């Protein structure tokens, strides 16, 4: 038994990609997972773009308010 373990450790270790390629998971499952991940990434990208637009709007609002305070002599 120990000889088999020793021989197994001497072999080259499979990469993560090779493990996925040789896995016993049907191709349909991988396609389904891939579709889910793409949808999730698209949703996150949309959310990120909305946050960036909102951030620009809020920073402009703060700048305008600050200008207003400076012009009125409050600051």
C-alpha atoms as a PDB file:
ATOM      1  CA  UNK A   1       0.000   0.000   0.000  1.00  0.00           C
ATOM      2  CA  UNK A   2       2.742   2.435   0.849  1.00  0.00           C
ATOM      3  CA  UNK A   3       4.456   1.767  -2.480  1.00  0.00           C
ATOM      4  CA  UNK A   4       1.289   2.817  -4.342  1.00  0.00           C
ATOM      5  CA  UNK A   5       1.069   6.032  -2.314  1.00  0.00           C
ATOM      6  CA  UNK A   6       4.729   6.761  -2.946  1.00  0.00           C
ATOM      7  CA  UNK A   7       4.306   6.218  -6.689  1.00  0.00           C
ATOM      8  CA  UNK A   8       1.205   8.443  -6.711  1.00  0.00           C
ATOM      9  CA  UNK A   9       3.110  11.299  -5.071  1.00  0.00           C
ATOM     10  CA  UNK A  10       5.897  11.076  -7.643  1.00  0.00           C
ATOM     11  CA  UNK A  11       3.468  11.628 -10.540  1.00  0.00           C
ATOM     12  CA  UNK A  12       2.717  15.062 -11.820  1.00  0.00           C
ATOM     13  CA  UNK A  13      -0.297  16.672 -10.162  1.00  0.00           C
ATOM     14  CA  UNK A  14      -3.218  17.583 -12.424  1.00  0.00           C
ATOM     15  CA  UNK A  15      -4.069  21.217 -12.816  1.00  0.00           C
ATOM     16  CA  UNK A  16      -7.488  22.470 -11.775  1.00  0.00           C
ATOM     17  CA  UNK A  17      -8.516  22.701 -15.435  1.00  0.00           C
ATOM     18  CA  UNK A  18      -7.504  19.076 -16.037  1.00  0.00           C
ATOM     19  CA  UNK A  19      -9.441  17.992 -12.957  1.00  0.00           C
ATOM     20  CA  UNK A  20     -12.564  19.710 -14.274  1.00  0.00           C
ATOM     21  CA  UNK A  21     -11.999  18.221 -17.706  1.00  0.00           C
ATOM     22  CA  UNK A  22     -11.667  14.701 -16.293  1.00  0.00           C
ATOM     23  CA  UNK A  23     -14.482  15.044 -13.756  1.00  0.00           C
ATOM     24  CA  UNK A  24     -17.482  12.752 -13.844  1.00  0.00           C
ATOM     25  CA  UNK A  25     -19.861  15.689 -14.234  1.00  0.00           C
ATOM     26  CA  UNK A  26     -22.070  15.675 -17.340  1.00  0.00           C
ATOM     27  CA  UNK A  27     -21.451  18.375 -19.906  1.00  0.00           C
ATOM     28  CA  UNK A  28     -25.022  19.681 -19.498  1.00  0.00           C
ATOM     29  CA  UNK A  29     -24.296  20.519 -15.864  1.00  0.00           C
ATOM     30  CA  UNK A  30     -21.222  22.526 -16.868  1.00  0.00           C
ATOM     31  CA  UNK A  31     -23.237  24.373 -19.512  1.00  0.00           C
ATOM     32  CA  UNK A  32     -25.935  25.166 -16.950  1.00  0.00           C
ATOM     33  CA  UNK A  33     -23.369  26.398 -14.414  1.00  0.00           C
ATOM     34  CA  UNK A  34     -21.675  28.476 -17.081  1.00  0.00           C
ATOM     35  CA  UNK A  35     -24.963  30.139 -18.060  1.00  0.00           C
ATOM     36  CA  UNK A  36     -25.761  30.878 -14.426  1.00  0.00           C
ATOM     37  CA  UNK A  37     -22.337  32.426 -13.850  1.00  0.00           C
ATOM     38  CA  UNK A  38     -22.592  34.575 -16.976  1.00  0.00           C
ATOM     39  CA  UNK A  39     -26.007  35.853 -15.893  1.00  0.00           C
ATOM     40  CA  UNK A  40     -24.673  36.609 -12.424  1.00  0.00           C
ATOM     41  CA  UNK A  41     -21.656  38.458 -13.835  1.00  0.00           C
ATOM     42  CA  UNK A  42     -23.929  40.510 -16.123  1.00  0.00           C
ATOM     43  CA  UNK A  43     -26.154  41.396 -13.172  1.00  0.00           C
ATOM     44  CA  UNK A  44     -23.124  42.476 -11.119  1.00  0.00           C
ATOM     45  CA  UNK A  45     -21.823  44.587 -14.016  1.00  0.00           C
ATOM     46  CA  UNK A  46     -25.189  46.338 -14.338  1.00  0.00           C
ATOM     47  CA  UNK A  47     -25.250  47.011 -10.606  1.00  0.00           C
ATOM     48  CA  UNK A  48     -21.707  48.367 -10.728  1.00  0.00           C
ATOM     49  CA  UNK A  49     -22.568  50.708 -13.601  1.00  0.00           C
ATOM     50  CA  UNK A  50     -25.640  51.977 -11.722  1.00  0.00           C
ATOM     51  CA  UNK A  51     -23.506  52.610  -8.636  1.00  0.00           C
ATOM     52  CA  UNK A  52     -20.932  54.523 -10.679  1.00  0.00           C
ATOM     53  CA  UNK A  53     -23.623  56.720 -12.227  1.00  0.00           C
ATOM     54  CA  UNK A  54     -25.177  57.314  -8.806  1.00  0.00           C
ATOM     55  CA  UNK A  55     -21.762  58.115  -7.342  1.00  0.00           C
ATOM     56  CA  UNK A  56     -21.095  60.706 -10.061  1.00  0.00           C
ATOM     57  CA  UNK A  57     -24.499  62.277  -9.456  1.00  0.00           C
ATOM     58  CA  UNK A  58     -23.969  62.429  -5.692  1.00  0.00           C
ATOM     59  CA  UNK A  59     -20.455  63.866  -5.976  1.00  0.00           C
ATOM     60  CA  UNK A  60     -21.784  66.576  -8.322  1.00  0.00           C
ATOM     61  CA  UNK A  61     -24.543  67.305  -5.821  1.00  0.00           C
ATOM     62  CA  UNK A  62     -21.988  67.677  -3.008  1.00  0.00           C
ATOM     63  CA  UNK A  63     -19.824  69.995  -5.122  1.00  0.00           C
ATOM     64  CA  UNK A  64     -22.820  72.169  -5.980  1.00  0.00           C
ATOM     65  CA  UNK A  65     -23.870  72.348  -2.320  1.00  0.00           C
ATOM     66  CA  UNK A  66     -20.319  73.258  -1.306  1.00  0.00           C
ATOM     67  CA  UNK A  67     -20.196  76.039  -3.931  1.00  0.00           C
ATOM     68  CA  UNK A  68     -23.514  77.326  -2.663  1.00  0.00           C
ATOM     69  CA  UNK A  69     -22.208  77.465   0.927  1.00  0.00           C
ATOM     70  CA  UNK A  70     -19.012  79.228  -0.182  1.00  0.00           C
ATOM     71  CA  UNK A  71     -20.951  81.803  -2.200  1.00  0.00           C
ATOM     72  CA  UNK A  72     -23.309  82.537   0.666  1.00  0.00           C
ATOM     73  CA  UNK A  73     -20.365  83.052   3.043  1.00  0.00           C
ATOM     74  CA  UNK A  74     -21.245  80.188   5.377  1.00  0.00           C
ATOM     75  CA  UNK A  75     -17.827  78.608   4.989  1.00  0.00           C
END
